[in-house]
Amino acid sequence: MNTATGPTMTPESRRCRIGPMSQAPKDTRSAAEKARDTAEIVASWKLEGYVPTPEAEAVHQRVARGEITTEEAIEIFRQRALKLDAELNARKRRTERA
């Protein structure tokens, strides 16, 4: 074995071992800080043309009250976006046929 270039590779030594992943750090912000951050994000979206709907505001309020998690809210918005996209595509197909 040539130690200048490293040990000889065997099938066993080619395997890559990855250690366990560490957990994401816990969010230590206060409720007021989270609300401020959310308000800043929504304000930036409004600058880009986002128009909040009562349904979206209701979801944001549920998150603020702790009734649902952020991940659940994201899934709600994702499902709504998929449904809206399907409706728009269906309308587009109907107008193309006419």
PDB file of N, CA and C in Angstrom:
ATOM      1  N   MET A   1       0.839  -1.171   0.000  1.00  0.00           N
ATOM      2  CA  MET A   1       0.000   0.000   0.000  1.00  0.00           C
ATOM      3  C   MET A   1       0.886   1.236   0.000  1.00  0.00           C
ATOM      4  N   ASN A   2       0.544   2.196  -0.820  1.00  0.00           N
ATOM      5  CA  ASN A   2       1.299   3.429  -0.929  1.00  0.00           C
ATOM      6  C   ASN A   2       0.710   4.449   0.044  1.00  0.00           C
ATOM      7  N   THR A   3       1.425   4.762   1.099  1.00  0.00           N
ATOM      8  CA  THR A   3       0.888   5.680   2.102  1.00  0.00           C
ATOM      9  C   THR A   3       0.976   7.126   1.662  1.00  0.00           C
ATOM     10  N   ALA A   4       1.732   7.423   0.620  1.00  0.00           N
ATOM     11  CA  ALA A   4       1.836   8.798   0.140  1.00  0.00           C
ATOM     12  C   ALA A   4       0.539   9.246  -0.517  1.00  0.00           C
ATOM     13  N   THR A   5      -0.156   8.313  -1.172  1.00  0.00           N
ATOM     14  CA  THR A   5      -1.400   8.676  -1.849  1.00  0.00           C
ATOM     15  C   THR A   5      -2.620   8.255  -1.064  1.00  0.00           C
ATOM     16  N   GLY A   6      -2.431   7.617   0.061  1.00  0.00           N
ATOM     17  CA  GLY A   6      -3.564   7.198   0.867  1.00  0.00           C
ATOM     18  C   GLY A   6      -3.728   5.702   0.842  1.00  0.00           C
ATOM     19  N   PRO A   7      -4.645   5.190   1.649  1.00  0.00           N
ATOM     20  CA  PRO A   7      -4.839   3.748   1.704  1.00  0.00           C
ATOM     21  C   PRO A   7      -5.512   3.231   0.443  1.00  0.00           C
ATOM     22  N   THR A   8      -5.334   1.946   0.207  1.00  0.00           N
ATOM     23  CA  THR A   8      -5.983   1.301  -0.922  1.00  0.00           C
ATOM     24  C   THR A   8      -7.485   1.271  -0.682  1.00  0.00           C
ATOM     25  N   MET A   9      -8.231   1.602  -1.721  1.00  0.00           N
ATOM     26  CA  MET A   9      -9.688   1.634  -1.582  1.00  0.00           C
ATOM     27  C   MET A   9     -10.230   0.212  -1.702  1.00  0.00           C
ATOM     28  N   THR A  10     -11.039  -0.158  -0.771  1.00  0.00           N
ATOM     29  CA  THR A  10     -11.736  -1.433  -0.829  1.00  0.00           C
ATOM     30  C   THR A  10     -13.214  -1.120  -0.982  1.00  0.00           C
ATOM     31  N   PRO A  11     -14.022  -2.085  -1.409  1.00  0.00           N
ATOM     32  CA  PRO A  11     -15.457  -1.810  -1.548  1.00  0.00           C
ATOM     33  C   PRO A  11     -16.069  -1.289  -0.253  1.00  0.00           C
ATOM     34  N   GLU A  12     -15.588  -1.766   0.883  1.00  0.00           N
ATOM     35  CA  GLU A  12     -16.134  -1.316   2.157  1.00  0.00           C
ATOM     36  C   GLU A  12     -15.749   0.134   2.442  1.00  0.00           C
ATOM     37  N   SER A  13     -14.565   0.551   2.032  1.00  0.00           N
ATOM     38  CA  SER A  13     -14.102   1.899   2.369  1.00  0.00           C
ATOM     39  C   SER A  13     -14.674   2.967   1.435  1.00  0.00           C
ATOM     40  N   ARG A  14     -15.315   2.551   0.355  1.00  0.00           N
ATOM     41  CA  ARG A  14     -15.902   3.520  -0.576  1.00  0.00           C
ATOM     42  C   ARG A  14     -17.253   4.025  -0.103  1.00  0.00           C
ATOM     43  N   ARG A  15     -17.823   3.378   0.859  1.00  0.00           N
ATOM     44  CA  ARG A  15     -19.127   3.797   1.350  1.00  0.00           C
ATOM     45  C   ARG A  15     -19.004   5.118   2.096  1.00  0.00           C
ATOM     46  N   CYS A  16     -19.935   5.944   1.859  1.00  0.00           N
ATOM     47  CA  CYS A  16     -19.946   7.242   2.514  1.00  0.00           C
ATOM     48  C   CYS A  16     -20.792   7.160   3.778  1.00  0.00           C
ATOM     49  N   ARG A  17     -20.233   7.544   4.863  1.00  0.00           N
ATOM     50  CA  ARG A  17     -20.979   7.524   6.116  1.00  0.00           C
ATOM     51  C   ARG A  17     -21.325   8.949   6.487  1.00  0.00           C
ATOM     52  N   ILE A  18     -22.586   9.163   6.693  1.00  0.00           N
ATOM     53  CA  ILE A  18     -23.061  10.484   7.081  1.00  0.00           C
ATOM     54  C   ILE A  18     -23.607  10.378   8.486  1.00  0.00           C
ATOM     55  N   GLY A  19     -23.165  11.272   9.334  1.00  0.00           N
ATOM     56  CA  GLY A  19     -23.621  11.258  10.718  1.00  0.00           C
ATOM     57  C   GLY A  19     -25.056  11.745  10.823  1.00  0.00           C
ATOM     58  N   PRO A  20     -25.654  11.551  11.971  1.00  0.00           N
ATOM     59  CA  PRO A  20     -27.036  11.994  12.144  1.00  0.00           C
ATOM     60  C   PRO A  20     -27.129  13.512  12.029  1.00  0.00           C
ATOM     61  N   MET A  21     -28.235  13.964  11.478  1.00  0.00           N
ATOM     62  CA  MET A  21     -28.420  15.402  11.303  1.00  0.00           C
ATOM     63  C   MET A  21     -28.830  16.024  12.633  1.00  0.00           C
ATOM     64  N   SER A  22     -28.350  17.197  12.858  1.00  0.00           N
ATOM     65  CA  SER A  22     -28.726  17.883  14.092  1.00  0.00           C
ATOM     66  C   SER A  22     -30.098  18.519  13.900  1.00  0.00           C
ATOM     67  N   GLN A  23     -30.775  18.751  14.990  1.00  0.00           N
ATOM     68  CA  GLN A  23     -32.091  19.354  14.913  1.00  0.00           C
ATOM     69  C   GLN A  23     -31.953  20.840  14.602  1.00  0.00           C
ATOM     70  N   ALA A  24     -32.989  21.382  13.964  1.00  0.00           N
ATOM     71  CA  ALA A  24     -33.018  22.810  13.694  1.00  0.00           C
ATOM     72  C   ALA A  24     -33.147  23.542  15.027  1.00  0.00           C
ATOM     73  N   PRO A  25     -32.546  24.714  15.117  1.00  0.00           N
ATOM     74  CA  PRO A  25     -32.650  25.438  16.379  1.00  0.00           C
ATOM     75  C   PRO A  25     -34.093  25.853  16.658  1.00  0.00           C
ATOM     76  N   LYS A  26     -34.451  25.851  17.918  1.00  0.00           N
ATOM     77  CA  LYS A  26     -35.806  26.213  18.313  1.00  0.00           C
ATOM     78  C   LYS A  26     -35.997  27.716  18.143  1.00  0.00           C
ATOM     79  N   ASP A  27     -37.165  28.101  17.667  1.00  0.00           N
ATOM     80  CA  ASP A  27     -37.478  29.510  17.472  1.00  0.00           C
ATOM     81  C   ASP A  27     -37.712  30.143  18.839  1.00  0.00           C
ATOM     82  N   THR A  28     -36.825  31.042  19.234  1.00  0.00           N
ATOM     83  CA  THR A  28     -36.912  31.640  20.565  1.00  0.00           C
ATOM     84  C   THR A  28     -37.511  33.044  20.534  1.00  0.00           C
ATOM     85  N   ARG A  29     -38.063  33.454  19.373  1.00  0.00           N
ATOM     86  CA  ARG A  29     -38.647  34.793  19.294  1.00  0.00           C
ATOM     87  C   ARG A  29     -39.941  34.854  20.092  1.00  0.00           C
ATOM     88  N   SER A  30     -40.228  36.032  20.604  1.00  0.00           N
ATOM     89  CA  SER A  30     -41.479  36.219  21.338  1.00  0.00           C
ATOM     90  C   SER A  30     -42.630  36.318  20.332  1.00  0.00           C
ATOM     91  N   ALA A  31     -43.853  36.249  20.837  1.00  0.00           N
ATOM     92  CA  ALA A  31     -45.029  36.364  19.968  1.00  0.00           C
ATOM     93  C   ALA A  31     -45.038  37.714  19.266  1.00  0.00           C
ATOM     94  N   ALA A  32     -44.620  38.766  19.972  1.00  0.00           N
ATOM     95  CA  ALA A  32     -44.582  40.106  19.369  1.00  0.00           C
ATOM     96  C   ALA A  32     -43.561  40.160  18.230  1.00  0.00           C
ATOM     97  N   GLU A  33     -42.408  39.521  18.415  1.00  0.00           N
ATOM     98  CA  GLU A  33     -41.393  39.505  17.364  1.00  0.00           C
ATOM     99  C   GLU A  33     -41.873  38.727  16.149  1.00  0.00           C
ATOM    100  N   LYS A  34     -42.549  37.609  16.384  1.00  0.00           N
ATOM    101  CA  LYS A  34     -43.090  36.818  15.275  1.00  0.00           C
ATOM    102  C   LYS A  34     -44.149  37.613  14.514  1.00  0.00           C
ATOM    103  N   ALA A  35     -45.013  38.314  15.257  1.00  0.00           N
ATOM    104  CA  ALA A  35     -46.055  39.123  14.617  1.00  0.00           C
ATOM    105  C   ALA A  35     -45.433  40.239  13.798  1.00  0.00           C
ATOM    106  N   ARG A  36     -44.395  40.883  14.336  1.00  0.00           N
ATOM    107  CA  ARG A  36     -43.720  41.950  13.605  1.00  0.00           C
ATOM    108  C   ARG A  36     -43.095  41.412  12.322  1.00  0.00           C
ATOM    109  N   ASP A  37     -42.433  40.259  12.419  1.00  0.00           N
ATOM    110  CA  ASP A  37     -41.807  39.664  11.242  1.00  0.00           C
ATOM    111  C   ASP A  37     -42.851  39.310  10.188  1.00  0.00           C
ATOM    112  N   THR A  38     -43.983  38.756  10.640  1.00  0.00           N
ATOM    113  CA  THR A  38     -45.056  38.406   9.710  1.00  0.00           C
ATOM    114  C   THR A  38     -45.599  39.653   9.033  1.00  0.00           C
ATOM    115  N   ALA A  39     -45.799  40.714   9.814  1.00  0.00           N
ATOM    116  CA  ALA A  39     -46.311  41.964   9.250  1.00  0.00           C
ATOM    117  C   ALA A  39     -45.345  42.532   8.214  1.00  0.00           C
ATOM    118  N   GLU A  40     -44.056  42.433   8.471  1.00  0.00           N
ATOM    119  CA  GLU A  40     -43.061  42.922   7.518  1.00  0.00           C
ATOM    120  C   GLU A  40     -43.089  42.111   6.227  1.00  0.00           C
ATOM    121  N   ILE A  41     -43.260  40.809   6.344  1.00  0.00           N
ATOM    122  CA  ILE A  41     -43.319  39.951   5.160  1.00  0.00           C
ATOM    123  C   ILE A  41     -44.550  40.284   4.325  1.00  0.00           C
ATOM    124  N   VAL A  42     -45.704  40.408   4.984  1.00  0.00           N
ATOM    125  CA  VAL A  42     -46.939  40.728   4.266  1.00  0.00           C
ATOM    126  C   VAL A  42     -46.827  42.103   3.620  1.00  0.00           C
ATOM    127  N   ALA A  43     -46.214  43.064   4.313  1.00  0.00           N
ATOM    128  CA  ALA A  43     -46.035  44.399   3.737  1.00  0.00           C
ATOM    129  C   ALA A  43     -45.178  44.341   2.474  1.00  0.00           C
ATOM    130  N   SER A  44     -44.139  43.521   2.493  1.00  0.00           N
ATOM    131  CA  SER A  44     -43.302  43.407   1.295  1.00  0.00           C
ATOM    132  C   SER A  44     -44.062  42.744   0.154  1.00  0.00           C
ATOM    133  N   TRP A  45     -44.933  41.770   0.491  1.00  0.00           N
ATOM    134  CA  TRP A  45     -45.752  41.143  -0.547  1.00  0.00           C
ATOM    135  C   TRP A  45     -46.716  42.147  -1.158  1.00  0.00           C
ATOM    136  N   LYS A  46     -47.299  43.007  -0.318  1.00  0.00           N
ATOM    137  CA  LYS A  46     -48.238  44.013  -0.822  1.00  0.00           C
ATOM    138  C   LYS A  46     -47.551  44.938  -1.802  1.00  0.00           C
ATOM    139  N   LEU A  47     -46.275  45.264  -1.552  1.00  0.00           N
ATOM    140  CA  LEU A  47     -45.522  46.089  -2.486  1.00  0.00           C
ATOM    141  C   LEU A  47     -45.371  45.396  -3.835  1.00  0.00           C
ATOM    142  N   GLU A  48     -45.366  44.060  -3.807  1.00  0.00           N
ATOM    143  CA  GLU A  48     -45.220  43.282  -5.038  1.00  0.00           C
ATOM    144  C   GLU A  48     -46.561  42.954  -5.682  1.00  0.00           C
ATOM    145  N   GLY A  49     -47.653  43.464  -5.113  1.00  0.00           N
ATOM    146  CA  GLY A  49     -48.954  43.266  -5.728  1.00  0.00           C
ATOM    147  C   GLY A  49     -49.840  42.242  -5.051  1.00  0.00           C
ATOM    148  N   TYR A  50     -49.429  41.713  -3.936  1.00  0.00           N
ATOM    149  CA  TYR A  50     -50.242  40.731  -3.206  1.00  0.00           C
ATOM    150  C   TYR A  50     -51.452  41.426  -2.601  1.00  0.00           C
ATOM    151  N   VAL A  51     -52.618  40.858  -2.813  1.00  0.00           N
ATOM    152  CA  VAL A  51     -53.838  41.391  -2.226  1.00  0.00           C
ATOM    153  C   VAL A  51     -54.361  40.352  -1.238  1.00  0.00           C
ATOM    154  N   PRO A  52     -54.308  40.652   0.071  1.00  0.00           N
ATOM    155  CA  PRO A  52     -54.773  39.678   1.051  1.00  0.00           C
ATOM    156  C   PRO A  52     -56.274  39.465   0.972  1.00  0.00           C
ATOM    157  N   THR A  53     -56.688  38.229   1.035  1.00  0.00           N
ATOM    158  CA  THR A  53     -58.107  37.895   1.030  1.00  0.00           C
ATOM    159  C   THR A  53     -58.543  37.616   2.463  1.00  0.00           C
ATOM    160  N   PRO A  54     -59.841  37.703   2.741  1.00  0.00           N
ATOM    161  CA  PRO A  54     -60.305  37.376   4.091  1.00  0.00           C
ATOM    162  C   PRO A  54     -59.929  35.954   4.510  1.00  0.00           C
ATOM    163  N   GLU A  55     -59.938  35.012   3.556  1.00  0.00           N
ATOM    164  CA  GLU A  55     -59.582  33.634   3.878  1.00  0.00           C
ATOM    165  C   GLU A  55     -58.112  33.532   4.287  1.00  0.00           C
ATOM    166  N   ALA A  56     -57.243  34.240   3.545  1.00  0.00           N
ATOM    167  CA  ALA A  56     -55.819  34.218   3.873  1.00  0.00           C
ATOM    168  C   ALA A  56     -55.571  34.886   5.223  1.00  0.00           C
ATOM    169  N   GLU A  57     -56.257  35.990   5.464  1.00  0.00           N
ATOM    170  CA  GLU A  57     -56.107  36.674   6.748  1.00  0.00           C
ATOM    171  C   GLU A  57     -56.550  35.776   7.901  1.00  0.00           C
ATOM    172  N   ALA A  58     -57.607  34.986   7.679  1.00  0.00           N
ATOM    173  CA  ALA A  58     -58.083  34.070   8.718  1.00  0.00           C
ATOM    174  C   ALA A  58     -57.023  33.024   9.048  1.00  0.00           C
ATOM    175  N   VAL A  59     -56.343  32.530   8.023  1.00  0.00           N
ATOM    176  CA  VAL A  59     -55.284  31.545   8.251  1.00  0.00           C
ATOM    177  C   VAL A  59     -54.142  32.188   9.032  1.00  0.00           C
ATOM    178  N   HIS A  60     -53.760  33.413   8.645  1.00  0.00           N
ATOM    179  CA  HIS A  60     -52.695  34.108   9.358  1.00  0.00           C
ATOM    180  C   HIS A  60     -53.071  34.326  10.828  1.00  0.00           C
ATOM    181  N   GLN A  61     -54.319  34.659  11.070  1.00  0.00           N
ATOM    182  CA  GLN A  61     -54.766  34.872  12.452  1.00  0.00           C
ATOM    183  C   GLN A  61     -54.716  33.568  13.251  1.00  0.00           C
ATOM    184  N   ARG A  62     -55.081  32.451  12.624  1.00  0.00           N
ATOM    185  CA  ARG A  62     -55.019  31.154  13.308  1.00  0.00           C
ATOM    186  C   ARG A  62     -53.588  30.815  13.697  1.00  0.00           C
ATOM    187  N   VAL A  63     -52.637  31.149  12.816  1.00  0.00           N
ATOM    188  CA  VAL A  63     -51.231  30.924  13.137  1.00  0.00           C
ATOM    189  C   VAL A  63     -50.821  31.829  14.294  1.00  0.00           C
ATOM    190  N   ALA A  64     -51.228  33.087  14.234  1.00  0.00           N
ATOM    191  CA  ALA A  64     -50.858  34.034  15.286  1.00  0.00           C
ATOM    192  C   ALA A  64     -51.405  33.598  16.650  1.00  0.00           C
ATOM    193  N   ARG A  65     -52.588  33.012  16.660  1.00  0.00           N
ATOM    194  CA  ARG A  65     -53.184  32.551  17.914  1.00  0.00           C
ATOM    195  C   ARG A  65     -52.626  31.196  18.351  1.00  0.00           C
ATOM    196  N   GLY A  66     -51.849  30.546  17.494  1.00  0.00           N
ATOM    197  CA  GLY A  66     -51.259  29.257  17.841  1.00  0.00           C
ATOM    198  C   GLY A  66     -52.187  28.083  17.602  1.00  0.00           C
ATOM    199  N   GLU A  67     -53.280  28.301  16.866  1.00  0.00           N
ATOM    200  CA  GLU A  67     -54.225  27.210  16.590  1.00  0.00           C
ATOM    201  C   GLU A  67     -53.656  26.219  15.590  1.00  0.00           C
ATOM    202  N   ILE A  68     -52.849  26.715  14.648  1.00  0.00           N
ATOM    203  CA  ILE A  68     -52.198  25.843  13.663  1.00  0.00           C
ATOM    204  C   ILE A  68     -50.731  26.262  13.569  1.00  0.00           C
ATOM    205  N   THR A  69     -49.913  25.353  13.065  1.00  0.00           N
ATOM    206  CA  THR A  69     -48.490  25.658  12.905  1.00  0.00           C
ATOM    207  C   THR A  69     -48.250  26.344  11.568  1.00  0.00           C
ATOM    208  N   THR A  70     -47.074  26.906  11.441  1.00  0.00           N
ATOM    209  CA  THR A  70     -46.698  27.550  10.181  1.00  0.00           C
ATOM    210  C   THR A  70     -46.710  26.533   9.045  1.00  0.00           C
ATOM    211  N   GLU A  71     -46.248  25.312   9.318  1.00  0.00           N
ATOM    212  CA  GLU A  71     -46.221  24.272   8.285  1.00  0.00           C
ATOM    213  C   GLU A  71     -47.634  23.943   7.813  1.00  0.00           C
ATOM    214  N   GLU A  72     -48.585  23.908   8.750  1.00  0.00           N
ATOM    215  CA  GLU A  72     -49.974  23.647   8.376  1.00  0.00           C
ATOM    216  C   GLU A  72     -50.526  24.786   7.533  1.00  0.00           C
ATOM    217  N   ALA A  73     -50.166  26.015   7.873  1.00  0.00           N
ATOM    218  CA  ALA A  73     -50.623  27.173   7.089  1.00  0.00           C
ATOM    219  C   ALA A  73     -50.046  27.118   5.682  1.00  0.00           C
ATOM    220  N   ILE A  74     -48.775  26.762   5.570  1.00  0.00           N
ATOM    221  CA  ILE A  74     -48.152  26.655   4.253  1.00  0.00           C
ATOM    222  C   ILE A  74     -48.869  25.605   3.415  1.00  0.00           C
ATOM    223  N   GLU A  75     -49.226  24.486   4.033  1.00  0.00           N
ATOM    224  CA  GLU A  75     -49.947  23.433   3.316  1.00  0.00           C
ATOM    225  C   GLU A  75     -51.326  23.921   2.879  1.00  0.00           C
ATOM    226  N   ILE A  76     -52.005  24.693   3.723  1.00  0.00           N
ATOM    227  CA  ILE A  76     -53.316  25.249   3.353  1.00  0.00           C
ATOM    228  C   ILE A  76     -53.161  26.145   2.132  1.00  0.00           C
ATOM    229  N   PHE A  77     -52.177  27.040   2.159  1.00  0.00           N
ATOM    230  CA  PHE A  77     -51.961  27.945   1.032  1.00  0.00           C
ATOM    231  C   PHE A  77     -51.541  27.179  -0.218  1.00  0.00           C
ATOM    232  N   ARG A  78     -50.750  26.126  -0.042  1.00  0.00           N
ATOM    233  CA  ARG A  78     -50.320  25.306  -1.180  1.00  0.00           C
ATOM    234  C   ARG A  78     -51.520  24.635  -1.840  1.00  0.00           C
ATOM    235  N   GLN A  79     -52.406  24.060  -1.004  1.00  0.00           N
ATOM    236  CA  GLN A  79     -53.593  23.401  -1.550  1.00  0.00           C
ATOM    237  C   GLN A  79     -54.497  24.399  -2.268  1.00  0.00           C
ATOM    238  N   ARG A  80     -54.656  25.587  -1.695  1.00  0.00           N
ATOM    239  CA  ARG A  80     -55.472  26.630  -2.342  1.00  0.00           C
ATOM    240  C   ARG A  80     -54.869  27.043  -3.677  1.00  0.00           C
ATOM    241  N   ALA A  81     -53.547  27.175  -3.714  1.00  0.00           N
ATOM    242  CA  ALA A  81     -52.882  27.560  -4.958  1.00  0.00           C
ATOM    243  C   ALA A  81     -53.054  26.486  -6.025  1.00  0.00           C
ATOM    244  N   LEU A  82     -52.942  25.227  -5.636  1.00  0.00           N
ATOM    245  CA  LEU A  82     -53.134  24.139  -6.597  1.00  0.00           C
ATOM    246  C   LEU A  82     -54.568  24.125  -7.124  1.00  0.00           C
ATOM    247  N   LYS A  83     -55.532  24.356  -6.226  1.00  0.00           N
ATOM    248  CA  LYS A  83     -56.934  24.379  -6.637  1.00  0.00           C
ATOM    249  C   LYS A  83     -57.190  25.551  -7.589  1.00  0.00           C
ATOM    250  N   LEU A  84     -56.658  26.726  -7.261  1.00  0.00           N
ATOM    251  CA  LEU A  84     -56.831  27.895  -8.116  1.00  0.00           C
ATOM    252  C   LEU A  84     -56.186  27.670  -9.477  1.00  0.00           C
ATOM    253  N   ASP A  85     -54.998  27.066  -9.479  1.00  0.00           N
ATOM    254  CA  ASP A  85     -54.308  26.788 -10.734  1.00  0.00           C
ATOM    255  C   ASP A  85     -55.121  25.831 -11.598  1.00  0.00           C
ATOM    256  N   ALA A  86     -55.707  24.805 -10.977  1.00  0.00           N
ATOM    257  CA  ALA A  86     -56.526  23.853 -11.732  1.00  0.00           C
ATOM    258  C   ALA A  86     -57.759  24.547 -12.312  1.00  0.00           C
ATOM    259  N   GLU A  87     -58.380  25.434 -11.525  1.00  0.00           N
ATOM    260  CA  GLU A  87     -59.551  26.161 -12.020  1.00  0.00           C
ATOM    261  C   GLU A  87     -59.182  27.072 -13.187  1.00  0.00           C
ATOM    262  N   LEU A  88     -58.059  27.772 -13.074  1.00  0.00           N
ATOM    263  CA  LEU A  88     -57.632  28.657 -14.160  1.00  0.00           C
ATOM    264  C   LEU A  88     -57.295  27.872 -15.422  1.00  0.00           C
ATOM    265  N   ASN A  89     -56.651  26.722 -15.260  1.00  0.00           N
ATOM    266  CA  ASN A  89     -56.345  25.891 -16.426  1.00  0.00           C
ATOM    267  C   ASN A  89     -57.616  25.358 -17.066  1.00  0.00           C
ATOM    268  N   ALA A  90     -58.614  24.999 -16.258  1.00  0.00           N
ATOM    269  CA  ALA A  90     -59.880  24.511 -16.806  1.00  0.00           C
ATOM    270  C   ALA A  90     -60.575  25.618 -17.588  1.00  0.00           C
ATOM    271  N   ARG A  91     -60.575  26.831 -17.060  1.00  0.00           N
ATOM    272  CA  ARG A  91     -61.174  27.970 -17.780  1.00  0.00           C
ATOM    273  C   ARG A  91     -60.448  28.231 -19.085  1.00  0.00           C
ATOM    274  N   LYS A  92     -59.132  28.139 -19.034  1.00  0.00           N
ATOM    275  CA  LYS A  92     -58.313  28.380 -20.229  1.00  0.00           C
ATOM    276  C   LYS A  92     -58.660  27.348 -21.310  1.00  0.00           C
ATOM    277  N   ARG A  93     -58.804  26.082 -20.896  1.00  0.00           N
ATOM    278  CA  ARG A  93     -59.133  25.024 -21.868  1.00  0.00           C
ATOM    279  C   ARG A  93     -60.509  25.263 -22.470  1.00  0.00           C
ATOM    280  N   ARG A  94     -61.469  25.707 -21.637  1.00  0.00           N
ATOM    281  CA  ARG A  94     -62.829  25.956 -22.151  1.00  0.00           C
ATOM    282  C   ARG A  94     -62.834  27.090 -23.158  1.00  0.00           C
ATOM    283  N   THR A  95     -62.055  28.145 -22.924  1.00  0.00           N
ATOM    284  CA  THR A  95     -62.035  29.276 -23.858  1.00  0.00           C
ATOM    285  C   THR A  95     -61.310  28.907 -25.146  1.00  0.00           C
ATOM    286  N   GLU A  96     -60.336  28.005 -25.074  1.00  0.00           N
ATOM    287  CA  GLU A  96     -59.635  27.573 -26.274  1.00  0.00           C
ATOM    288  C   GLU A  96     -60.535  26.728 -27.173  1.00  0.00           C
ATOM    289  N   ARG A  97     -61.423  25.944 -26.580  1.00  0.00           N
ATOM    290  CA  ARG A  97     -62.336  25.111 -27.359  1.00  0.00           C
ATOM    291  C   ARG A  97     -63.432  25.920 -28.014  1.00  0.00           C
ATOM    292  N   ALA A  98     -63.817  27.014 -27.407  1.00  0.00           N
ATOM    293  CA  ALA A  98     -64.938  27.821 -27.918  1.00  0.00           C
ATOM    294  C   ALA A  98     -64.555  28.632 -29.121  1.00  0.00           C
TER     295      ALA A  98
END
